[in-house]
């Protein structure tokens, strides 16, 4: 009787673990559909690279919503990172046999960032977003005839672009390293009004504080091919104030901070130097 009772207790303790292991095996073996990949890609764009680990509460929450293990979600995010030039230069690798579907989604994003931005935002809303903890400040929507017709897509493009750019630069101004999110903007290198195709592309963006966003937008600061800052002659004065000197003039030659992912497109920076920067 004693042996039988002990065996029963042993089974009682072992069964939950056995069920948990079976559950994990099921989650690991289930294939990812395209909408789930879109939601994960959006998650990848929201979370700074150094936080792509299975214990991150955001990843744990997303895994539960997707009915996946945190390890599976974290690995999927690292797979996406392995396609990014900024991470490839650091020798970041995903799974040995990365899913062709992961690669196809990345290539789709490179070819048409606006479309993938909208679809990934919608997929994230369907699968993962559960409360206001995922919400962030949404920038003011530019006015124009097309924006009135495409209000929701344009809002999703703006939201995606802002979150992705700020997250890629770890929520710091790439010119002065100011870390106050409320004062940061996702600045388009080639302006929103000039290129529809690049509106959602984070490689056409810089994370800048309010002052440097305005200076860059007005062509008073540019970035040279080696990612050093160039100051327009229009900023130079005979007797600059201390703030003028520290915040603007002293940036001459300073190498801007590079993002952890989606590095700025050199062709976009060249366009800014040639078409927007006030060199004279």
C-alpha atoms as a PDB file:
ATOM      1  CA  UNK A   1       0.000   0.000   0.000  1.00  0.00           C
ATOM      2  CA  UNK A   2       2.794   2.346   0.897  1.00  0.00           C
ATOM      3  CA  UNK A   3       4.595   1.712  -2.397  1.00  0.00           C
ATOM      4  CA  UNK A   4       1.393   2.197  -4.372  1.00  0.00           C
ATOM      5  CA  UNK A   5       0.687   5.458  -2.573  1.00  0.00           C
ATOM      6  CA  UNK A   6       4.193   6.711  -3.247  1.00  0.00           C
ATOM      7  CA  UNK A   7       3.842   5.844  -6.915  1.00  0.00           C
ATOM      8  CA  UNK A   8       0.577   7.736  -7.144  1.00  0.00           C
ATOM      9  CA  UNK A   9       2.145  10.808  -5.570  1.00  0.00           C
ATOM     10  CA  UNK A  10       5.082  10.520  -7.963  1.00  0.00           C
ATOM     11  CA  UNK A  11       2.711  10.428 -10.930  1.00  0.00           C
ATOM     12  CA  UNK A  12       0.763  13.387  -9.565  1.00  0.00           C
ATOM     13  CA  UNK A  13       3.934  15.482  -9.371  1.00  0.00           C
ATOM     14  CA  UNK A  14       5.291  14.365 -12.745  1.00  0.00           C
ATOM     15  CA  UNK A  15       2.152  14.751 -14.832  1.00  0.00           C
ATOM     16  CA  UNK A  16       2.022  18.593 -14.891  1.00  0.00           C
ATOM     17  CA  UNK A  17       5.640  18.751 -16.044  1.00  0.00           C
ATOM     18  CA  UNK A  18       4.985  16.118 -18.662  1.00  0.00           C
ATOM     19  CA  UNK A  19       1.993  18.056 -19.911  1.00  0.00           C
ATOM     20  CA  UNK A  20       4.041  21.267 -19.954  1.00  0.00           C
ATOM     21  CA  UNK A  21       6.818  19.626 -21.961  1.00  0.00           C
ATOM     22  CA  UNK A  22       4.322  18.247 -24.443  1.00  0.00           C
ATOM     23  CA  UNK A  23       2.735  21.677 -24.709  1.00  0.00           C
ATOM     24  CA  UNK A  24       6.109  23.316 -25.392  1.00  0.00           C
ATOM     25  CA  UNK A  25       6.922  20.696 -28.023  1.00  0.00           C
ATOM     26  CA  UNK A  26       3.618  21.415 -29.740  1.00  0.00           C
ATOM     27  CA  UNK A  27       4.235  25.156 -29.758  1.00  0.00           C
ATOM     28  CA  UNK A  28       7.746  24.722 -31.123  1.00  0.00           C
ATOM     29  CA  UNK A  29       6.641  22.427 -33.957  1.00  0.00           C
ATOM     30  CA  UNK A  30       3.705  24.547 -35.158  1.00  0.00           C
ATOM     31  CA  UNK A  31       4.474  26.453 -38.359  1.00  0.00           C
ATOM     32  CA  UNK A  32       4.278  30.243 -38.453  1.00  0.00           C
ATOM     33  CA  UNK A  33       1.704  31.780 -40.771  1.00  0.00           C
ATOM     34  CA  UNK A  34       2.323  35.032 -42.655  1.00  0.00           C
ATOM     35  CA  UNK A  35       0.249  37.224 -40.336  1.00  0.00           C
ATOM     36  CA  UNK A  36       2.122  35.902 -37.291  1.00  0.00           C
ATOM     37  CA  UNK A  37       5.417  36.689 -39.011  1.00  0.00           C
ATOM     38  CA  UNK A  38       4.192  40.212 -39.743  1.00  0.00           C
ATOM     39  CA  UNK A  39       3.285  40.686 -36.065  1.00  0.00           C
ATOM     40  CA  UNK A  40       6.740  39.416 -35.034  1.00  0.00           C
ATOM     41  CA  UNK A  41       8.475  41.664 -37.553  1.00  0.00           C
ATOM     42  CA  UNK A  42       6.613  44.625 -36.075  1.00  0.00           C
ATOM     43  CA  UNK A  43       7.664  43.489 -32.613  1.00  0.00           C
ATOM     44  CA  UNK A  44      11.276  43.303 -33.804  1.00  0.00           C
ATOM     45  CA  UNK A  45      11.026  46.920 -34.948  1.00  0.00           C
ATOM     46  CA  UNK A  46       9.625  48.057 -31.578  1.00  0.00           C
ATOM     47  CA  UNK A  47      12.175  46.533 -29.220  1.00  0.00           C
ATOM     48  CA  UNK A  48      15.812  47.768 -28.993  1.00  0.00           C
ATOM     49  CA  UNK A  49      18.222  45.077 -30.164  1.00  0.00           C
ATOM     50  CA  UNK A  50      19.799  44.544 -26.740  1.00  0.00           C
ATOM     51  CA  UNK A  51      16.413  43.503 -25.341  1.00  0.00           C
ATOM     52  CA  UNK A  52      15.611  40.705 -27.802  1.00  0.00           C
ATOM     53  CA  UNK A  53      15.700  37.969 -25.176  1.00  0.00           C
ATOM     54  CA  UNK A  54      13.109  35.519 -23.903  1.00  0.00           C
ATOM     55  CA  UNK A  55      12.856  37.073 -20.426  1.00  0.00           C
ATOM     56  CA  UNK A  56      11.871  40.516 -21.736  1.00  0.00           C
ATOM     57  CA  UNK A  57       8.304  41.082 -20.409  1.00  0.00           C
ATOM     58  CA  UNK A  58       7.226  42.420 -23.795  1.00  0.00           C
ATOM     59  CA  UNK A  59       8.395  39.250 -25.517  1.00  0.00           C
ATOM     60  CA  UNK A  60       6.759  37.081 -22.851  1.00  0.00           C
ATOM     61  CA  UNK A  61       3.488  38.972 -23.345  1.00  0.00           C
ATOM     62  CA  UNK A  62       3.730  38.702 -27.126  1.00  0.00           C
ATOM     63  CA  UNK A  63       4.488  34.980 -26.921  1.00  0.00           C
ATOM     64  CA  UNK A  64       1.382  34.373 -24.826  1.00  0.00           C
ATOM     65  CA  UNK A  65      -0.743  36.327 -27.295  1.00  0.00           C
ATOM     66  CA  UNK A  66       0.710  34.357 -30.221  1.00  0.00           C
ATOM     67  CA  UNK A  67       0.424  31.049 -28.346  1.00  0.00           C
ATOM     68  CA  UNK A  68       4.175  30.516 -28.677  1.00  0.00           C
ATOM     69  CA  UNK A  69       7.022  30.079 -26.235  1.00  0.00           C
ATOM     70  CA  UNK A  70       9.086  33.184 -25.361  1.00  0.00           C
ATOM     71  CA  UNK A  71      12.152  31.357 -26.696  1.00  0.00           C
ATOM     72  CA  UNK A  72      10.475  30.823 -30.070  1.00  0.00           C
ATOM     73  CA  UNK A  73       9.475  34.467 -30.362  1.00  0.00           C
ATOM     74  CA  UNK A  74      12.911  35.722 -29.271  1.00  0.00           C
ATOM     75  CA  UNK A  75      14.591  33.460 -31.811  1.00  0.00           C
ATOM     76  CA  UNK A  76      12.290  34.713 -34.554  1.00  0.00           C
ATOM     77  CA  UNK A  77      13.296  38.289 -33.711  1.00  0.00           C
ATOM     78  CA  UNK A  78      16.981  37.364 -33.849  1.00  0.00           C
ATOM     79  CA  UNK A  79      16.353  35.766 -37.246  1.00  0.00           C
ATOM     80  CA  UNK A  80      15.087  39.116 -38.522  1.00  0.00           C
ATOM     81  CA  UNK A  81      18.112  40.832 -36.967  1.00  0.00           C
ATOM     82  CA  UNK A  82      20.417  38.501 -38.901  1.00  0.00           C
ATOM     83  CA  UNK A  83      19.196  40.061 -42.175  1.00  0.00           C
ATOM     84  CA  UNK A  84      19.919  43.639 -41.059  1.00  0.00           C
ATOM     85  CA  UNK A  85      23.190  45.091 -42.428  1.00  0.00           C
ATOM     86  CA  UNK A  86      23.891  46.764 -39.065  1.00  0.00           C
ATOM     87  CA  UNK A  87      23.749  43.385 -37.339  1.00  0.00           C
ATOM     88  CA  UNK A  88      25.498  41.422 -40.076  1.00  0.00           C
ATOM     89  CA  UNK A  89      28.466  43.745 -39.611  1.00  0.00           C
ATOM     90  CA  UNK A  90      28.500  42.619 -35.957  1.00  0.00           C
ATOM     91  CA  UNK A  91      28.294  38.969 -37.053  1.00  0.00           C
ATOM     92  CA  UNK A  92      24.828  38.475 -35.523  1.00  0.00           C
ATOM     93  CA  UNK A  93      23.363  35.169 -36.692  1.00  0.00           C
ATOM     94  CA  UNK A  94      19.925  33.623 -36.426  1.00  0.00           C
ATOM     95  CA  UNK A  95      19.071  29.952 -36.730  1.00  0.00           C
ATOM     96  CA  UNK A  96      21.397  27.914 -38.925  1.00  0.00           C
ATOM     97  CA  UNK A  97      18.527  27.167 -41.306  1.00  0.00           C
ATOM     98  CA  UNK A  98      16.620  30.445 -41.263  1.00  0.00           C
ATOM     99  CA  UNK A  99      13.086  30.056 -42.575  1.00  0.00           C
ATOM    100  CA  UNK A 100      12.686  31.097 -46.188  1.00  0.00           C
ATOM    101  CA  UNK A 101       9.473  32.809 -45.071  1.00  0.00           C
ATOM    102  CA  UNK A 102      11.472  35.046 -42.674  1.00  0.00           C
ATOM    103  CA  UNK A 103      13.836  35.981 -45.467  1.00  0.00           C
ATOM    104  CA  UNK A 104      10.967  36.556 -47.905  1.00  0.00           C
ATOM    105  CA  UNK A 105       9.267  38.948 -45.471  1.00  0.00           C
ATOM    106  CA  UNK A 106      12.493  40.897 -44.976  1.00  0.00           C
ATOM    107  CA  UNK A 107      12.938  41.170 -48.754  1.00  0.00           C
ATOM    108  CA  UNK A 108       9.312  42.269 -49.092  1.00  0.00           C
ATOM    109  CA  UNK A 109       9.974  45.022 -46.566  1.00  0.00           C
ATOM    110  CA  UNK A 110      13.090  46.192 -48.398  1.00  0.00           C
ATOM    111  CA  UNK A 111      11.120  46.355 -51.671  1.00  0.00           C
ATOM    112  CA  UNK A 112       7.968  48.016 -50.294  1.00  0.00           C
ATOM    113  CA  UNK A 113       8.391  49.344 -46.738  1.00  0.00           C
ATOM    114  CA  UNK A 114       5.093  51.277 -46.780  1.00  0.00           C
ATOM    115  CA  UNK A 115       3.013  48.193 -47.503  1.00  0.00           C
ATOM    116  CA  UNK A 116       4.769  45.995 -44.943  1.00  0.00           C
ATOM    117  CA  UNK A 117       4.598  48.783 -42.362  1.00  0.00           C
ATOM    118  CA  UNK A 118       0.807  48.977 -42.669  1.00  0.00           C
ATOM    119  CA  UNK A 119       0.291  45.201 -42.728  1.00  0.00           C
ATOM    120  CA  UNK A 120       2.631  44.617 -39.791  1.00  0.00           C
ATOM    121  CA  UNK A 121       0.926  47.316 -37.697  1.00  0.00           C
ATOM    122  CA  UNK A 122      -2.444  45.713 -38.398  1.00  0.00           C
ATOM    123  CA  UNK A 123      -1.119  42.226 -37.614  1.00  0.00           C
ATOM    124  CA  UNK A 124       0.421  43.453 -34.363  1.00  0.00           C
ATOM    125  CA  UNK A 125      -2.911  44.987 -33.351  1.00  0.00           C
ATOM    126  CA  UNK A 126      -4.746  41.725 -34.095  1.00  0.00           C
ATOM    127  CA  UNK A 127      -2.358  39.298 -32.460  1.00  0.00           C
ATOM    128  CA  UNK A 128      -0.406  41.058 -29.721  1.00  0.00           C
ATOM    129  CA  UNK A 129      -1.641  44.435 -28.565  1.00  0.00           C
ATOM    130  CA  UNK A 130      -3.791  43.867 -25.473  1.00  0.00           C
ATOM    131  CA  UNK A 131      -3.679  47.123 -23.524  1.00  0.00           C
ATOM    132  CA  UNK A 132      -2.254  50.629 -23.415  1.00  0.00           C
ATOM    133  CA  UNK A 133       1.216  49.454 -22.340  1.00  0.00           C
ATOM    134  CA  UNK A 134       2.179  49.129 -26.003  1.00  0.00           C
ATOM    135  CA  UNK A 135       0.993  52.622 -26.878  1.00  0.00           C
ATOM    136  CA  UNK A 136       3.399  55.452 -27.574  1.00  0.00           C
ATOM    137  CA  UNK A 137       3.014  59.076 -28.539  1.00  0.00           C
ATOM    138  CA  UNK A 138       1.789  59.349 -32.119  1.00  0.00           C
ATOM    139  CA  UNK A 139       3.209  62.215 -34.199  1.00  0.00           C
ATOM    140  CA  UNK A 140       0.985  64.841 -35.758  1.00  0.00           C
ATOM    141  CA  UNK A 141      -0.202  63.721 -39.164  1.00  0.00           C
ATOM    142  CA  UNK A 142       0.981  65.881 -42.090  1.00  0.00           C
ATOM    143  CA  UNK A 143      -1.806  67.610 -43.979  1.00  0.00           C
ATOM    144  CA  UNK A 144      -2.347  67.037 -47.661  1.00  0.00           C
ATOM    145  CA  UNK A 145      -4.914  65.786 -50.163  1.00  0.00           C
ATOM    146  CA  UNK A 146      -3.830  62.147 -50.123  1.00  0.00           C
ATOM    147  CA  UNK A 147      -3.667  61.953 -46.334  1.00  0.00           C
ATOM    148  CA  UNK A 148      -7.393  62.734 -46.076  1.00  0.00           C
ATOM    149  CA  UNK A 149      -8.240  59.796 -48.338  1.00  0.00           C
ATOM    150  CA  UNK A 150      -5.677  57.435 -46.771  1.00  0.00           C
ATOM    151  CA  UNK A 151      -6.000  58.548 -43.150  1.00  0.00           C
ATOM    152  CA  UNK A 152      -5.643  55.118 -41.549  1.00  0.00           C
ATOM    153  CA  UNK A 153      -2.792  53.785 -43.753  1.00  0.00           C
ATOM    154  CA  UNK A 154      -0.845  57.012 -43.360  1.00  0.00           C
ATOM    155  CA  UNK A 155      -1.345  56.980 -39.606  1.00  0.00           C
ATOM    156  CA  UNK A 156      -0.058  53.403 -39.475  1.00  0.00           C
ATOM    157  CA  UNK A 157       2.949  54.338 -41.629  1.00  0.00           C
ATOM    158  CA  UNK A 158       3.762  57.252 -39.328  1.00  0.00           C
ATOM    159  CA  UNK A 159       3.399  55.131 -36.195  1.00  0.00           C
ATOM    160  CA  UNK A 160       5.606  52.390 -37.603  1.00  0.00           C
ATOM    161  CA  UNK A 161       8.269  54.845 -38.764  1.00  0.00           C
ATOM    162  CA  UNK A 162       8.442  56.707 -35.448  1.00  0.00           C
ATOM    163  CA  UNK A 163       8.614  53.625 -33.263  1.00  0.00           C
ATOM    164  CA  UNK A 164      11.122  51.854 -35.490  1.00  0.00           C
ATOM    165  CA  UNK A 165      13.491  54.811 -35.800  1.00  0.00           C
ATOM    166  CA  UNK A 166      13.432  55.724 -32.098  1.00  0.00           C
ATOM    167  CA  UNK A 167      13.886  52.101 -31.049  1.00  0.00           C
ATOM    168  CA  UNK A 168      16.762  51.605 -33.508  1.00  0.00           C
ATOM    169  CA  UNK A 169      18.620  54.548 -31.945  1.00  0.00           C
ATOM    170  CA  UNK A 170      17.777  53.358 -28.396  1.00  0.00           C
ATOM    171  CA  UNK A 171      15.665  56.465 -27.802  1.00  0.00           C
ATOM    172  CA  UNK A 172      18.594  58.905 -28.013  1.00  0.00           C
ATOM    173  CA  UNK A 173      19.228  61.827 -30.344  1.00  0.00           C
ATOM    174  CA  UNK A 174      21.832  60.635 -32.838  1.00  0.00           C
ATOM    175  CA  UNK A 175      23.468  64.107 -32.862  1.00  0.00           C
ATOM    176  CA  UNK A 176      23.606  65.017 -29.150  1.00  0.00           C
ATOM    177  CA  UNK A 177      22.531  61.786 -27.379  1.00  0.00           C
ATOM    178  CA  UNK A 178      19.666  63.451 -25.520  1.00  0.00           C
ATOM    179  CA  UNK A 179      17.672  60.523 -24.017  1.00  0.00           C
ATOM    180  CA  UNK A 180      14.332  62.246 -23.324  1.00  0.00           C
ATOM    181  CA  UNK A 181      11.716  60.505 -25.471  1.00  0.00           C
ATOM    182  CA  UNK A 182       9.213  63.365 -25.254  1.00  0.00           C
ATOM    183  CA  UNK A 183      11.759  65.603 -27.019  1.00  0.00           C
ATOM    184  CA  UNK A 184      12.697  63.140 -29.761  1.00  0.00           C
ATOM    185  CA  UNK A 185      11.460  62.957 -33.346  1.00  0.00           C
ATOM    186  CA  UNK A 186      11.792  60.393 -36.085  1.00  0.00           C
ATOM    187  CA  UNK A 187      13.120  62.704 -38.787  1.00  0.00           C
ATOM    188  CA  UNK A 188      12.845  61.843 -42.471  1.00  0.00           C
ATOM    189  CA  UNK A 189      16.122  62.387 -44.320  1.00  0.00           C
ATOM    190  CA  UNK A 190      14.330  62.735 -47.659  1.00  0.00           C
ATOM    191  CA  UNK A 191      11.183  64.628 -46.609  1.00  0.00           C
ATOM    192  CA  UNK A 192       7.780  62.965 -46.329  1.00  0.00           C
ATOM    193  CA  UNK A 193       6.423  65.214 -49.106  1.00  0.00           C
ATOM    194  CA  UNK A 194       9.261  64.411 -51.508  1.00  0.00           C
ATOM    195  CA  UNK A 195       9.256  60.596 -51.497  1.00  0.00           C
ATOM    196  CA  UNK A 196       6.095  58.588 -50.935  1.00  0.00           C
ATOM    197  CA  UNK A 197       8.013  55.319 -51.350  1.00  0.00           C
ATOM    198  CA  UNK A 198      10.368  56.056 -48.439  1.00  0.00           C
ATOM    199  CA  UNK A 199       7.815  57.303 -45.922  1.00  0.00           C
ATOM    200  CA  UNK A 200       7.913  54.149 -43.789  1.00  0.00           C
ATOM    201  CA  UNK A 201      11.533  53.203 -44.466  1.00  0.00           C
ATOM    202  CA  UNK A 202      13.568  53.576 -41.230  1.00  0.00           C
ATOM    203  CA  UNK A 203      16.731  53.763 -43.352  1.00  0.00           C
ATOM    204  CA  UNK A 204      15.386  57.141 -44.449  1.00  0.00           C
ATOM    205  CA  UNK A 205      15.210  58.273 -40.842  1.00  0.00           C
ATOM    206  CA  UNK A 206      17.254  59.708 -37.993  1.00  0.00           C
ATOM    207  CA  UNK A 207      16.348  59.970 -34.329  1.00  0.00           C
ATOM    208  CA  UNK A 208      16.804  63.654 -33.446  1.00  0.00           C
ATOM    209  CA  UNK A 209      15.864  65.943 -30.586  1.00  0.00           C
ATOM    210  CA  UNK A 210      13.509  68.840 -31.333  1.00  0.00           C
ATOM    211  CA  UNK A 211      16.325  71.364 -31.925  1.00  0.00           C
ATOM    212  CA  UNK A 212      18.400  69.171 -34.200  1.00  0.00           C
ATOM    213  CA  UNK A 213      15.329  67.890 -36.017  1.00  0.00           C
ATOM    214  CA  UNK A 214      14.459  71.467 -36.980  1.00  0.00           C
ATOM    215  CA  UNK A 215      18.070  72.320 -37.885  1.00  0.00           C
ATOM    216  CA  UNK A 216      18.389  69.199 -40.061  1.00  0.00           C
ATOM    217  CA  UNK A 217      15.002  69.814 -41.695  1.00  0.00           C
ATOM    218  CA  UNK A 218      15.973  73.428 -42.494  1.00  0.00           C
ATOM    219  CA  UNK A 219      19.290  72.369 -44.020  1.00  0.00           C
ATOM    220  CA  UNK A 220      21.435  73.902 -41.283  1.00  0.00           C
ATOM    221  CA  UNK A 221      23.095  70.578 -40.408  1.00  0.00           C
ATOM    222  CA  UNK A 222      24.040  67.714 -42.714  1.00  0.00           C
ATOM    223  CA  UNK A 223      25.755  64.335 -42.416  1.00  0.00           C
ATOM    224  CA  UNK A 224      28.803  63.633 -44.572  1.00  0.00           C
ATOM    225  CA  UNK A 225      29.688  60.231 -46.123  1.00  0.00           C
ATOM    226  CA  UNK A 226      31.669  59.247 -42.995  1.00  0.00           C
ATOM    227  CA  UNK A 227      28.656  60.100 -40.806  1.00  0.00           C
ATOM    228  CA  UNK A 228      30.255  63.237 -39.392  1.00  0.00           C
ATOM    229  CA  UNK A 229      28.162  66.373 -38.916  1.00  0.00           C
ATOM    230  CA  UNK A 230      28.570  69.399 -41.165  1.00  0.00           C
ATOM    231  CA  UNK A 231      27.409  72.829 -40.006  1.00  0.00           C
ATOM    232  CA  UNK A 232      25.976  75.362 -42.464  1.00  0.00           C
ATOM    233  CA  UNK A 233      27.728  78.757 -42.687  1.00  0.00           C
ATOM    234  CA  UNK A 234      24.317  80.273 -41.933  1.00  0.00           C
ATOM    235  CA  UNK A 235      24.693  79.065 -38.327  1.00  0.00           C
ATOM    236  CA  UNK A 236      27.935  80.939 -37.783  1.00  0.00           C
ATOM    237  CA  UNK A 237      27.837  84.265 -35.954  1.00  0.00           C
ATOM    238  CA  UNK A 238      30.539  86.587 -34.666  1.00  0.00           C
ATOM    239  CA  UNK A 239      29.419  86.363 -31.028  1.00  0.00           C
ATOM    240  CA  UNK A 240      27.349  83.186 -30.563  1.00  0.00           C
ATOM    241  CA  UNK A 241      25.661  82.578 -27.235  1.00  0.00           C
ATOM    242  CA  UNK A 242      26.876  79.716 -25.074  1.00  0.00           C
ATOM    243  CA  UNK A 243      23.840  77.613 -26.013  1.00  0.00           C
ATOM    244  CA  UNK A 244      24.297  78.375 -29.714  1.00  0.00           C
ATOM    245  CA  UNK A 245      27.919  77.264 -29.522  1.00  0.00           C
ATOM    246  CA  UNK A 246      27.326  74.111 -27.451  1.00  0.00           C
ATOM    247  CA  UNK A 247      24.157  72.905 -29.158  1.00  0.00           C
ATOM    248  CA  UNK A 248      25.104  73.698 -32.754  1.00  0.00           C
ATOM    249  CA  UNK A 249      28.580  74.986 -33.615  1.00  0.00           C
ATOM    250  CA  UNK A 250      30.473  72.501 -31.450  1.00  0.00           C
ATOM    251  CA  UNK A 251      28.836  69.627 -33.369  1.00  0.00           C
ATOM    252  CA  UNK A 252      31.044  70.327 -36.395  1.00  0.00           C
ATOM    253  CA  UNK A 253      32.930  67.126 -37.223  1.00  0.00           C
ATOM    254  CA  UNK A 254      31.173  65.100 -34.513  1.00  0.00           C
ATOM    255  CA  UNK A 255      30.436  61.556 -35.661  1.00  0.00           C
ATOM    256  CA  UNK A 256      26.730  60.868 -35.240  1.00  0.00           C
ATOM    257  CA  UNK A 257      25.622  57.819 -33.288  1.00  0.00           C
ATOM    258  CA  UNK A 258      24.824  54.902 -35.592  1.00  0.00           C
ATOM    259  CA  UNK A 259      21.664  52.875 -34.951  1.00  0.00           C
ATOM    260  CA  UNK A 260      21.597  49.262 -33.801  1.00  0.00           C
ATOM    261  CA  UNK A 261      19.565  48.365 -36.882  1.00  0.00           C
ATOM    262  CA  UNK A 262      18.346  49.962 -40.121  1.00  0.00           C
ATOM    263  CA  UNK A 263      21.428  52.165 -40.712  1.00  0.00           C
ATOM    264  CA  UNK A 264      20.727  55.392 -42.623  1.00  0.00           C
ATOM    265  CA  UNK A 265      20.818  55.017 -46.379  1.00  0.00           C
ATOM    266  CA  UNK A 266      23.886  56.860 -47.771  1.00  0.00           C
ATOM    267  CA  UNK A 267      21.884  57.810 -50.883  1.00  0.00           C
ATOM    268  CA  UNK A 268      19.284  59.534 -48.717  1.00  0.00           C
ATOM    269  CA  UNK A 269      21.991  61.442 -46.844  1.00  0.00           C
ATOM    270  CA  UNK A 270      23.536  62.468 -50.155  1.00  0.00           C
ATOM    271  CA  UNK A 271      20.165  63.749 -51.369  1.00  0.00           C
ATOM    272  CA  UNK A 272      19.874  65.830 -48.198  1.00  0.00           C
ATOM    273  CA  UNK A 273      23.366  67.310 -48.648  1.00  0.00           C
ATOM    274  CA  UNK A 274      22.736  68.214 -52.295  1.00  0.00           C
ATOM    275  CA  UNK A 275      19.103  69.302 -52.180  1.00  0.00           C
ATOM    276  CA  UNK A 276      18.394  70.573 -48.642  1.00  0.00           C
ATOM    277  CA  UNK A 277      21.645  71.506 -46.896  1.00  0.00           C
ATOM    278  CA  UNK A 278      22.486  75.214 -47.072  1.00  0.00           C
ATOM    279  CA  UNK A 279      26.168  74.972 -47.951  1.00  0.00           C
ATOM    280  CA  UNK A 280      26.542  78.637 -48.927  1.00  0.00           C
END
